């Protein structure tokens, strides 16, 4: 699990705010999610992190496993495909108050 936490932390640190911010400092959930996914996939593909056979997928419908009985799809799930092995579920939410950016 430490590899997973390290991978998420590295991906968050590498995110480019130019791909997350819309106008006048406004951030929305979808662009942030896409940039996180992009950075995490780059870390995996370039061999900077090794999650083994685990993959990250977006908005996976796993209601058949009864983990999300309301039909809610999390933003991301880190899991081993074709198994019941789910390592992490990630949900991004926008903060209600603006985040102070430090340049």
N, C-alpha and C. Protein backbone atom coordinates (compact mmCIF):
# COMPACT_ATOMS: atom_id res chain seq x y z
N UNK A 1 0.83 -1.20 0.00
CA UNK A 1 0.00 0.00 0.00
C UNK A 1 0.86 1.25 0.00
N UNK A 2 2.08 1.18 0.53
CA UNK A 2 2.96 2.34 0.51
C UNK A 2 3.29 2.78 -0.91
N UNK A 3 3.43 1.81 -1.84
CA UNK A 3 3.67 2.15 -3.24
C UNK A 3 2.51 2.95 -3.82
N UNK A 4 1.30 2.59 -3.44
CA UNK A 4 0.11 3.29 -3.93
C UNK A 4 0.09 4.72 -3.41
N UNK A 5 0.33 4.91 -2.14
CA UNK A 5 0.33 6.26 -1.56
C UNK A 5 1.44 7.09 -2.19
N UNK A 6 2.61 6.50 -2.36
CA UNK A 6 3.73 7.21 -2.98
C UNK A 6 3.38 7.59 -4.44
N UNK A 7 2.74 6.68 -5.14
CA UNK A 7 2.36 6.94 -6.53
C UNK A 7 1.37 8.10 -6.61
N UNK A 8 0.35 8.10 -5.75
CA UNK A 8 -0.64 9.18 -5.75
C UNK A 8 0.02 10.51 -5.40
N UNK A 9 0.89 10.50 -4.41
CA UNK A 9 1.58 11.72 -4.00
C UNK A 9 2.43 12.27 -5.14
N UNK A 10 3.19 11.39 -5.80
CA UNK A 10 4.03 11.82 -6.93
C UNK A 10 3.19 12.39 -8.07
N UNK A 11 2.09 11.72 -8.37
CA UNK A 11 1.22 12.20 -9.46
C UNK A 11 0.64 13.56 -9.12
N UNK A 12 0.21 13.74 -7.88
CA UNK A 12 -0.35 15.04 -7.47
C UNK A 12 0.71 16.14 -7.55
N UNK A 13 1.93 15.82 -7.15
CA UNK A 13 3.00 16.82 -7.19
C UNK A 13 3.40 17.20 -8.61
N UNK A 14 3.25 16.28 -9.54
CA UNK A 14 3.64 16.54 -10.93
C UNK A 14 2.55 17.20 -11.76
N UNK A 15 1.36 17.35 -11.21
CA UNK A 15 0.26 17.93 -11.97
C UNK A 15 0.60 19.35 -12.41
N UNK A 16 0.28 19.64 -13.65
CA UNK A 16 0.52 20.96 -14.23
C UNK A 16 -0.78 21.77 -14.12
N UNK A 17 -0.73 22.84 -13.33
CA UNK A 17 -1.95 23.63 -13.10
C UNK A 17 -2.51 24.23 -14.38
N UNK A 18 -1.69 24.36 -15.42
CA UNK A 18 -2.18 24.90 -16.68
C UNK A 18 -3.23 23.98 -17.32
N UNK A 19 -3.20 22.71 -16.95
CA UNK A 19 -4.19 21.76 -17.48
C UNK A 19 -5.36 21.58 -16.53
N UNK A 20 -5.30 22.23 -15.38
CA UNK A 20 -6.36 22.11 -14.37
C UNK A 20 -7.20 23.37 -14.26
N UNK A 21 -6.58 24.50 -14.51
CA UNK A 21 -7.24 25.79 -14.29
C UNK A 21 -7.95 26.21 -15.57
N UNK A 22 -9.14 26.77 -15.40
CA UNK A 22 -9.87 27.28 -16.56
C UNK A 22 -9.53 28.75 -16.73
N UNK A 23 -10.35 29.64 -16.24
CA UNK A 23 -10.08 31.07 -16.34
C UNK A 23 -10.08 31.70 -14.97
N UNK A 24 -9.31 32.72 -14.81
CA UNK A 24 -9.27 33.51 -13.58
C UNK A 24 -9.13 32.64 -12.33
N UNK A 25 -8.29 31.64 -12.43
CA UNK A 25 -8.02 30.80 -11.27
C UNK A 25 -9.09 29.80 -10.93
N UNK A 26 -10.09 29.64 -11.78
CA UNK A 26 -11.18 28.70 -11.48
C UNK A 26 -10.75 27.27 -11.83
N UNK A 27 -10.95 26.39 -10.87
CA UNK A 27 -10.64 24.99 -11.05
C UNK A 27 -11.93 24.19 -11.01
N UNK A 28 -12.00 23.18 -11.86
CA UNK A 28 -13.16 22.29 -11.84
C UNK A 28 -12.68 20.85 -11.70
N UNK A 29 -13.56 20.01 -11.23
CA UNK A 29 -13.19 18.64 -10.90
C UNK A 29 -12.68 17.85 -12.10
N UNK A 30 -13.37 17.88 -13.21
CA UNK A 30 -12.98 17.04 -14.36
C UNK A 30 -11.57 17.32 -14.86
N UNK A 31 -11.20 18.58 -15.13
CA UNK A 31 -9.82 18.81 -15.60
C UNK A 31 -8.77 18.36 -14.59
N UNK A 32 -9.05 18.51 -13.31
CA UNK A 32 -8.11 18.06 -12.28
C UNK A 32 -7.99 16.53 -12.32
N UNK A 33 -9.10 15.86 -12.44
CA UNK A 33 -9.07 14.39 -12.53
C UNK A 33 -8.28 13.92 -13.74
N UNK A 34 -8.51 14.54 -14.88
CA UNK A 34 -7.81 14.13 -16.09
C UNK A 34 -6.31 14.34 -15.97
N UNK A 35 -5.89 15.45 -15.37
CA UNK A 35 -4.47 15.72 -15.20
C UNK A 35 -3.85 14.74 -14.21
N UNK A 36 -4.55 14.42 -13.13
CA UNK A 36 -4.05 13.43 -12.18
C UNK A 36 -3.85 12.08 -12.87
N UNK A 37 -4.85 11.66 -13.62
CA UNK A 37 -4.79 10.38 -14.35
C UNK A 37 -3.61 10.38 -15.31
N UNK A 38 -3.45 11.47 -16.04
CA UNK A 38 -2.34 11.59 -17.01
C UNK A 38 -0.99 11.45 -16.31
N UNK A 39 -0.82 12.16 -15.20
CA UNK A 39 0.46 12.12 -14.49
C UNK A 39 0.72 10.74 -13.89
N UNK A 40 -0.29 10.11 -13.35
CA UNK A 40 -0.12 8.77 -12.78
C UNK A 40 0.24 7.77 -13.86
N UNK A 41 -0.44 7.85 -14.99
CA UNK A 41 -0.13 6.94 -16.10
C UNK A 41 1.30 7.14 -16.61
N UNK A 42 1.76 8.37 -16.67
CA UNK A 42 3.14 8.63 -17.09
C UNK A 42 4.13 7.99 -16.11
N UNK A 43 3.87 8.13 -14.82
CA UNK A 43 4.76 7.53 -13.82
C UNK A 43 4.82 6.01 -13.99
N UNK A 44 3.69 5.40 -14.28
CA UNK A 44 3.64 3.96 -14.49
C UNK A 44 4.37 3.58 -15.78
N UNK A 45 4.03 4.27 -16.87
CA UNK A 45 4.60 3.92 -18.18
C UNK A 45 6.11 4.14 -18.24
N UNK A 46 6.62 5.16 -17.54
CA UNK A 46 8.06 5.43 -17.56
C UNK A 46 8.81 4.64 -16.50
N UNK A 47 8.09 3.77 -15.78
CA UNK A 47 8.73 2.90 -14.82
C UNK A 47 9.17 3.57 -13.53
N UNK A 48 8.66 4.78 -13.27
CA UNK A 48 9.03 5.48 -12.04
C UNK A 48 8.31 4.88 -10.83
N UNK A 49 7.19 4.23 -11.06
CA UNK A 49 6.50 3.50 -10.01
C UNK A 49 6.07 2.16 -10.57
N UNK A 50 6.02 1.17 -9.71
CA UNK A 50 5.63 -0.17 -10.13
C UNK A 50 4.45 -0.62 -9.28
N UNK A 51 3.31 -0.73 -9.90
CA UNK A 51 2.12 -1.21 -9.20
C UNK A 51 1.78 -2.64 -9.59
N UNK A 52 2.72 -3.31 -10.23
CA UNK A 52 2.50 -4.70 -10.64
C UNK A 52 1.39 -4.81 -11.66
N UNK A 53 0.46 -5.73 -11.42
CA UNK A 53 -0.64 -5.95 -12.36
C UNK A 53 -1.82 -5.01 -12.10
N UNK A 54 -1.65 -4.15 -11.09
CA UNK A 54 -2.71 -3.21 -10.73
C UNK A 54 -2.80 -2.11 -11.78
N UNK A 55 -4.03 -1.70 -12.12
CA UNK A 55 -4.25 -0.62 -13.07
C UNK A 55 -5.18 0.42 -12.46
N UNK A 56 -5.10 1.63 -12.99
CA UNK A 56 -6.04 2.67 -12.59
C UNK A 56 -7.00 2.86 -13.75
N UNK A 57 -8.28 2.90 -13.43
CA UNK A 57 -9.29 3.14 -14.46
C UNK A 57 -10.29 4.16 -13.94
N UNK A 58 -10.85 4.89 -14.88
CA UNK A 58 -11.76 5.99 -14.53
C UNK A 58 -13.21 5.56 -14.59
N UNK A 59 -13.97 6.00 -13.60
CA UNK A 59 -15.42 5.83 -13.53
C UNK A 59 -15.89 4.43 -13.90
N UNK A 60 -15.27 3.47 -13.25
CA UNK A 60 -15.60 2.07 -13.49
C UNK A 60 -16.90 1.72 -12.77
N UNK A 61 -17.77 1.03 -13.46
CA UNK A 61 -19.03 0.57 -12.87
C UNK A 61 -18.79 -0.82 -12.29
N UNK A 62 -18.63 -0.88 -10.98
CA UNK A 62 -18.41 -2.17 -10.33
C UNK A 62 -19.59 -2.54 -9.44
N UNK A 63 -20.79 -2.12 -9.83
CA UNK A 63 -21.96 -2.45 -9.02
C UNK A 63 -22.15 -3.95 -8.92
N UNK A 64 -21.65 -4.70 -9.89
CA UNK A 64 -21.77 -6.15 -9.83
C UNK A 64 -21.04 -6.72 -8.61
N UNK A 65 -20.07 -5.97 -8.06
CA UNK A 65 -19.38 -6.42 -6.86
C UNK A 65 -20.09 -5.96 -5.59
N UNK A 66 -21.11 -5.17 -5.77
CA UNK A 66 -21.91 -4.64 -4.65
C UNK A 66 -21.13 -3.68 -3.76
N UNK A 67 -20.04 -3.10 -4.30
CA UNK A 67 -19.29 -2.10 -3.53
C UNK A 67 -19.94 -0.73 -3.62
N UNK A 68 -20.63 -0.48 -4.72
CA UNK A 68 -21.25 0.81 -4.94
C UNK A 68 -22.72 0.57 -5.29
N UNK A 69 -23.51 0.17 -4.30
CA UNK A 69 -24.89 -0.26 -4.58
C UNK A 69 -25.78 0.84 -5.15
N UNK A 70 -25.45 2.10 -4.95
CA UNK A 70 -26.31 3.16 -5.46
C UNK A 70 -26.05 3.44 -6.93
N UNK A 71 -25.05 2.76 -7.50
CA UNK A 71 -24.70 3.02 -8.90
C UNK A 71 -23.71 4.14 -9.05
N UNK A 72 -23.28 4.73 -7.93
CA UNK A 72 -22.29 5.80 -7.97
C UNK A 72 -20.98 5.25 -8.48
N UNK A 73 -20.39 5.94 -9.44
CA UNK A 73 -19.10 5.54 -9.98
C UNK A 73 -18.03 6.47 -9.42
N UNK A 74 -17.03 5.94 -8.73
CA UNK A 74 -15.96 6.80 -8.23
C UNK A 74 -15.15 7.35 -9.41
N UNK A 75 -14.43 8.44 -9.16
CA UNK A 75 -13.60 9.01 -10.23
C UNK A 75 -12.59 8.00 -10.74
N UNK A 76 -11.93 7.31 -9.82
CA UNK A 76 -10.93 6.30 -10.20
C UNK A 76 -11.00 5.11 -9.27
N UNK A 77 -10.59 3.98 -9.81
CA UNK A 77 -10.43 2.80 -8.98
C UNK A 77 -9.09 2.17 -9.36
N UNK A 78 -8.33 1.83 -8.37
CA UNK A 78 -7.06 1.14 -8.56
C UNK A 78 -7.33 -0.31 -8.23
N UNK A 79 -7.22 -1.17 -9.23
CA UNK A 79 -7.63 -2.56 -9.02
C UNK A 79 -6.90 -3.50 -9.96
N UNK A 80 -7.09 -4.77 -9.73
CA UNK A 80 -6.58 -5.80 -10.62
C UNK A 80 -7.76 -6.25 -11.47
N UNK A 81 -7.71 -6.00 -12.78
CA UNK A 81 -8.83 -6.37 -13.64
C UNK A 81 -9.18 -7.86 -13.55
N UNK A 82 -10.44 -8.14 -13.76
CA UNK A 82 -10.97 -9.51 -13.76
C UNK A 82 -10.87 -10.21 -12.40
N UNK A 83 -10.76 -9.38 -11.34
CA UNK A 83 -10.74 -9.94 -9.99
C UNK A 83 -11.60 -9.05 -9.10
N UNK A 84 -11.73 -9.45 -7.86
CA UNK A 84 -12.41 -8.62 -6.86
C UNK A 84 -11.41 -7.79 -6.06
N UNK A 85 -10.15 -7.78 -6.48
CA UNK A 85 -9.11 -7.08 -5.74
C UNK A 85 -9.11 -5.59 -6.09
N UNK A 86 -9.66 -4.79 -5.20
CA UNK A 86 -9.68 -3.34 -5.33
C UNK A 86 -8.73 -2.77 -4.28
N UNK A 87 -7.74 -2.00 -4.72
CA UNK A 87 -6.76 -1.47 -3.78
C UNK A 87 -7.10 -0.08 -3.29
N UNK A 88 -7.70 0.73 -4.16
CA UNK A 88 -8.03 2.10 -3.76
C UNK A 88 -9.17 2.62 -4.61
N UNK A 89 -9.98 3.44 -4.00
CA UNK A 89 -11.04 4.15 -4.69
C UNK A 89 -10.76 5.63 -4.47
N UNK A 90 -10.75 6.40 -5.55
CA UNK A 90 -10.39 7.82 -5.46
C UNK A 90 -11.56 8.66 -5.95
N UNK A 91 -11.91 9.63 -5.15
CA UNK A 91 -12.99 10.56 -5.51
C UNK A 91 -12.44 11.97 -5.30
N UNK A 92 -12.46 12.78 -6.34
CA UNK A 92 -12.03 14.17 -6.25
C UNK A 92 -13.25 15.04 -5.99
N UNK A 93 -13.08 16.02 -5.12
CA UNK A 93 -14.13 17.00 -4.86
C UNK A 93 -13.50 18.38 -4.81
N UNK A 94 -14.17 19.33 -5.38
CA UNK A 94 -13.69 20.71 -5.37
C UNK A 94 -13.92 21.34 -4.01
N UNK A 95 -12.93 22.09 -3.54
CA UNK A 95 -13.06 22.78 -2.26
C UNK A 95 -14.09 23.90 -2.38
N UNK A 96 -14.81 24.15 -1.31
CA UNK A 96 -15.80 25.23 -1.32
C UNK A 96 -15.15 26.61 -1.29
N UNK A 97 -13.98 26.68 -0.69
CA UNK A 97 -13.29 27.97 -0.64
C UNK A 97 -12.07 27.91 -1.56
N UNK A 98 -11.69 29.03 -2.13
CA UNK A 98 -10.54 29.04 -3.03
C UNK A 98 -9.27 28.61 -2.31
N UNK A 99 -8.41 27.95 -3.05
CA UNK A 99 -7.14 27.51 -2.51
C UNK A 99 -6.09 28.58 -2.85
N UNK A 100 -5.34 28.98 -1.87
CA UNK A 100 -4.30 29.98 -2.08
C UNK A 100 -3.15 29.33 -2.83
N UNK A 101 -2.79 29.89 -3.96
CA UNK A 101 -1.68 29.38 -4.74
C UNK A 101 -0.41 30.10 -4.35
N UNK A 102 0.65 29.36 -4.18
CA UNK A 102 1.96 29.93 -3.88
C UNK A 102 2.81 29.78 -5.12
N UNK A 103 3.32 30.87 -5.60
CA UNK A 103 4.17 30.84 -6.81
C UNK A 103 5.62 30.77 -6.42
